[in-house]
Amino acid sequence: MRNSFACKVCGFLHDSRPWGETGHEPSFEICSCCGVEFGYEDATPLAAQTYRSNWIKQGCPWFEPGRRPPAWNLEDQMRENLE
């Protein structure tokens, strides 16, 4: 089950819900990890998959590098938070 605080693109956990209490009201904030704008670039499953694919092709650059955990691993993050 997907964690409601996880980014739909990369699985990074956020302090607030990217898609509101019900999961239907996007915050339009930016993910610290992948840089997706909640409610715009992840509005549909296809949009989230496309954004993820393009982000991975670019080498998974962090939008806010200072928030990257020391031992960060994308595969672990996605497996733990997007299942």
N, C-alpha and C. Protein backbone atom coordinates (compact mmCIF):
# COMPACT_ATOMS: atom_id res chain seq x y z
N MET A 1 0.84 -1.19 0.00
CA MET A 1 0.00 0.00 0.00
C MET A 1 0.88 1.24 0.00
N ARG A 2 0.58 2.18 -0.84
CA ARG A 2 1.37 3.38 -0.99
C ARG A 2 1.24 4.28 0.24
N ASN A 3 2.37 4.76 0.72
CA ASN A 3 2.38 5.70 1.82
C ASN A 3 1.83 7.03 1.31
N SER A 4 0.86 7.61 1.99
CA SER A 4 0.23 8.84 1.52
C SER A 4 1.16 10.04 1.56
N PHE A 5 2.31 9.91 2.23
CA PHE A 5 3.27 11.00 2.29
C PHE A 5 4.38 10.84 1.25
N ALA A 6 4.30 9.82 0.42
CA ALA A 6 5.35 9.53 -0.55
C ALA A 6 5.06 10.20 -1.89
N CYS A 7 6.13 10.67 -2.54
CA CYS A 7 6.03 11.21 -3.89
C CYS A 7 5.62 10.07 -4.83
N LYS A 8 4.69 10.33 -5.73
CA LYS A 8 4.23 9.32 -6.69
C LYS A 8 5.29 8.97 -7.72
N VAL A 9 6.26 9.84 -7.90
CA VAL A 9 7.30 9.61 -8.90
C VAL A 9 8.48 8.84 -8.33
N CYS A 10 9.02 9.30 -7.20
CA CYS A 10 10.26 8.72 -6.69
C CYS A 10 10.14 8.02 -5.34
N GLY A 11 9.02 8.22 -4.65
CA GLY A 11 8.82 7.57 -3.36
C GLY A 11 9.43 8.30 -2.18
N PHE A 12 10.01 9.47 -2.41
CA PHE A 12 10.59 10.22 -1.29
C PHE A 12 9.49 10.62 -0.32
N LEU A 13 9.75 10.44 0.98
CA LEU A 13 8.75 10.76 1.99
C LEU A 13 8.79 12.23 2.36
N HIS A 14 7.60 12.81 2.46
CA HIS A 14 7.45 14.23 2.78
C HIS A 14 6.75 14.41 4.11
N ASP A 15 6.97 15.56 4.73
CA ASP A 15 6.34 15.87 6.02
C ASP A 15 4.85 16.14 5.88
N SER A 16 4.44 16.62 4.72
CA SER A 16 3.02 16.87 4.47
C SER A 16 2.58 16.03 3.27
N ARG A 17 1.29 15.86 3.15
CA ARG A 17 0.75 15.01 2.10
C ARG A 17 0.77 15.73 0.74
N PRO A 18 1.52 15.20 -0.23
CA PRO A 18 1.59 15.83 -1.55
C PRO A 18 0.22 15.95 -2.23
N TRP A 19 -0.70 15.05 -1.89
CA TRP A 19 -2.01 15.02 -2.53
C TRP A 19 -3.15 15.17 -1.52
N GLY A 20 -2.95 15.92 -0.46
CA GLY A 20 -4.01 16.23 0.49
C GLY A 20 -4.49 15.04 1.31
N GLU A 21 -5.38 15.33 2.23
CA GLU A 21 -5.92 14.32 3.14
C GLU A 21 -6.63 13.18 2.40
N THR A 22 -7.36 13.50 1.35
CA THR A 22 -8.12 12.49 0.63
C THR A 22 -7.35 11.88 -0.53
N GLY A 23 -6.20 12.48 -0.86
CA GLY A 23 -5.43 12.00 -2.00
C GLY A 23 -5.90 12.56 -3.33
N HIS A 24 -6.76 13.58 -3.26
CA HIS A 24 -7.32 14.16 -4.49
C HIS A 24 -7.08 15.66 -4.63
N GLU A 25 -6.50 16.29 -3.63
CA GLU A 25 -6.24 17.73 -3.69
C GLU A 25 -4.75 17.98 -3.68
N PRO A 26 -4.13 18.15 -4.85
CA PRO A 26 -2.68 18.31 -4.89
C PRO A 26 -2.23 19.61 -4.23
N SER A 27 -1.04 19.56 -3.66
CA SER A 27 -0.49 20.74 -2.98
C SER A 27 0.22 21.68 -3.94
N PHE A 28 0.62 21.19 -5.10
CA PHE A 28 1.40 21.93 -6.09
C PHE A 28 2.77 22.32 -5.54
N GLU A 29 3.22 21.64 -4.47
CA GLU A 29 4.57 21.83 -3.96
C GLU A 29 5.52 21.00 -4.83
N ILE A 30 6.80 21.18 -4.60
CA ILE A 30 7.83 20.51 -5.39
C ILE A 30 8.51 19.44 -4.54
N CYS A 31 8.71 18.26 -5.11
CA CYS A 31 9.41 17.18 -4.40
C CYS A 31 10.88 17.53 -4.25
N SER A 32 11.38 17.42 -3.04
CA SER A 32 12.79 17.71 -2.76
C SER A 32 13.73 16.78 -3.49
N CYS A 33 13.28 15.58 -3.77
CA CYS A 33 14.12 14.57 -4.39
C CYS A 33 14.12 14.72 -5.92
N CYS A 34 12.99 14.47 -6.55
CA CYS A 34 12.95 14.42 -8.02
C CYS A 34 12.53 15.74 -8.68
N GLY A 35 11.95 16.66 -7.93
CA GLY A 35 11.57 17.94 -8.49
C GLY A 35 10.19 17.98 -9.14
N VAL A 36 9.41 16.91 -9.03
CA VAL A 36 8.07 16.91 -9.62
C VAL A 36 7.17 17.90 -8.89
N GLU A 37 6.29 18.55 -9.61
CA GLU A 37 5.29 19.43 -9.00
C GLU A 37 4.02 18.61 -8.77
N PHE A 38 3.66 18.42 -7.49
CA PHE A 38 2.51 17.60 -7.14
C PHE A 38 1.23 18.22 -7.70
N GLY A 39 0.53 17.43 -8.50
CA GLY A 39 -0.72 17.87 -9.09
C GLY A 39 -0.59 18.35 -10.52
N TYR A 40 0.62 18.47 -10.98
CA TYR A 40 0.83 18.92 -12.35
C TYR A 40 1.55 17.84 -13.15
N GLU A 41 2.77 17.52 -12.76
CA GLU A 41 3.56 16.55 -13.51
C GLU A 41 3.33 15.11 -13.06
N ASP A 42 2.48 14.92 -12.04
CA ASP A 42 2.16 13.57 -11.57
C ASP A 42 0.64 13.38 -11.47
N ALA A 43 -0.09 14.12 -12.27
CA ALA A 43 -1.56 14.13 -12.19
C ALA A 43 -2.21 12.82 -12.61
N THR A 44 -1.52 12.03 -13.42
CA THR A 44 -2.03 10.72 -13.85
C THR A 44 -0.92 9.69 -13.66
N PRO A 45 -1.27 8.42 -13.59
CA PRO A 45 -0.21 7.40 -13.50
C PRO A 45 0.78 7.48 -14.67
N LEU A 46 0.28 7.72 -15.88
CA LEU A 46 1.17 7.83 -17.04
C LEU A 46 2.10 9.04 -16.90
N ALA A 47 1.58 10.15 -16.43
CA ALA A 47 2.42 11.34 -16.24
C ALA A 47 3.52 11.07 -15.22
N ALA A 48 3.18 10.40 -14.12
CA ALA A 48 4.17 10.07 -13.09
C ALA A 48 5.23 9.12 -13.65
N GLN A 49 4.81 8.13 -14.42
CA GLN A 49 5.75 7.17 -15.02
C GLN A 49 6.67 7.88 -16.00
N THR A 50 6.12 8.77 -16.81
CA THR A 50 6.92 9.51 -17.79
C THR A 50 7.94 10.40 -17.11
N TYR A 51 7.49 11.12 -16.07
CA TYR A 51 8.40 11.99 -15.33
C TYR A 51 9.51 11.15 -14.71
N ARG A 52 9.14 10.02 -14.08
CA ARG A 52 10.13 9.13 -13.45
C ARG A 52 11.15 8.65 -14.47
N SER A 53 10.68 8.19 -15.61
CA SER A 53 11.58 7.68 -16.64
C SER A 53 12.56 8.76 -17.08
N ASN A 54 12.08 9.96 -17.33
CA ASN A 54 12.95 11.05 -17.76
C ASN A 54 13.94 11.44 -16.66
N TRP A 55 13.49 11.46 -15.41
CA TRP A 55 14.34 11.80 -14.28
C TRP A 55 15.46 10.76 -14.13
N ILE A 56 15.11 9.48 -14.26
CA ILE A 56 16.11 8.41 -14.16
C ILE A 56 17.11 8.51 -15.31
N LYS A 57 16.64 8.81 -16.52
CA LYS A 57 17.55 8.96 -17.67
C LYS A 57 18.55 10.08 -17.46
N GLN A 58 18.15 11.10 -16.66
CA GLN A 58 19.04 12.23 -16.37
C GLN A 58 20.01 11.91 -15.22
N GLY A 59 19.92 10.71 -14.66
CA GLY A 59 20.82 10.32 -13.59
C GLY A 59 20.27 10.57 -12.19
N CYS A 60 18.96 10.80 -12.07
CA CYS A 60 18.29 11.02 -10.78
C CYS A 60 18.87 12.19 -10.00
N PRO A 61 19.00 13.36 -10.63
CA PRO A 61 19.54 14.50 -9.89
C PRO A 61 18.56 14.96 -8.82
N TRP A 62 19.08 15.31 -7.66
CA TRP A 62 18.23 15.79 -6.56
C TRP A 62 17.88 17.24 -6.80
N PHE A 63 16.60 17.57 -6.63
CA PHE A 63 16.13 18.95 -6.77
C PHE A 63 16.71 19.81 -5.65
N GLU A 64 16.74 19.26 -4.44
CA GLU A 64 17.35 19.93 -3.28
C GLU A 64 18.45 19.01 -2.75
N PRO A 65 19.65 19.11 -3.31
CA PRO A 65 20.73 18.19 -2.94
C PRO A 65 21.03 18.13 -1.44
N GLY A 66 20.80 19.20 -0.73
CA GLY A 66 21.06 19.23 0.70
C GLY A 66 20.14 18.32 1.52
N ARG A 67 19.04 17.89 0.94
CA ARG A 67 18.11 17.00 1.63
C ARG A 67 18.38 15.53 1.34
N ARG A 68 19.33 15.25 0.46
CA ARG A 68 19.64 13.86 0.11
C ARG A 68 20.29 13.15 1.29
N PRO A 69 19.70 12.02 1.72
CA PRO A 69 20.29 11.25 2.82
C PRO A 69 21.66 10.71 2.41
N PRO A 70 22.59 10.56 3.37
CA PRO A 70 23.95 10.12 3.05
C PRO A 70 24.02 8.79 2.29
N ALA A 71 23.24 7.83 2.67
CA ALA A 71 23.29 6.50 2.04
C ALA A 71 22.07 6.29 1.14
N TRP A 72 21.65 7.32 0.43
CA TRP A 72 20.44 7.26 -0.38
C TRP A 72 20.56 6.23 -1.50
N ASN A 73 19.49 5.48 -1.71
CA ASN A 73 19.43 4.49 -2.78
C ASN A 73 18.02 4.54 -3.37
N LEU A 74 17.91 4.89 -4.64
CA LEU A 74 16.61 5.04 -5.28
C LEU A 74 15.79 3.77 -5.26
N GLU A 75 16.42 2.64 -5.56
CA GLU A 75 15.67 1.38 -5.60
C GLU A 75 15.05 1.07 -4.24
N ASP A 76 15.82 1.26 -3.18
CA ASP A 76 15.28 1.02 -1.83
C ASP A 76 14.14 1.98 -1.52
N GLN A 77 14.33 3.24 -1.87
CA GLN A 77 13.30 4.26 -1.61
C GLN A 77 12.00 3.92 -2.31
N MET A 78 12.08 3.55 -3.56
CA MET A 78 10.88 3.22 -4.33
C MET A 78 10.24 1.94 -3.82
N ARG A 79 11.04 0.95 -3.53
CA ARG A 79 10.51 -0.34 -3.05
C ARG A 79 9.79 -0.15 -1.71
N GLU A 80 10.37 0.61 -0.81
CA GLU A 80 9.81 0.79 0.52
C GLU A 80 8.57 1.70 0.52
N ASN A 81 8.52 2.67 -0.36
CA ASN A 81 7.49 3.70 -0.25
C ASN A 81 6.45 3.73 -1.37
N LEU A 82 6.65 2.97 -2.42
CA LEU A 82 5.67 2.97 -3.52
C LEU A 82 4.95 1.66 -3.69
N GLU A 83 5.12 0.73 -2.77
CA GLU A 83 4.45 -0.57 -2.90
C GLU A 83 3.02 -0.46 -2.41
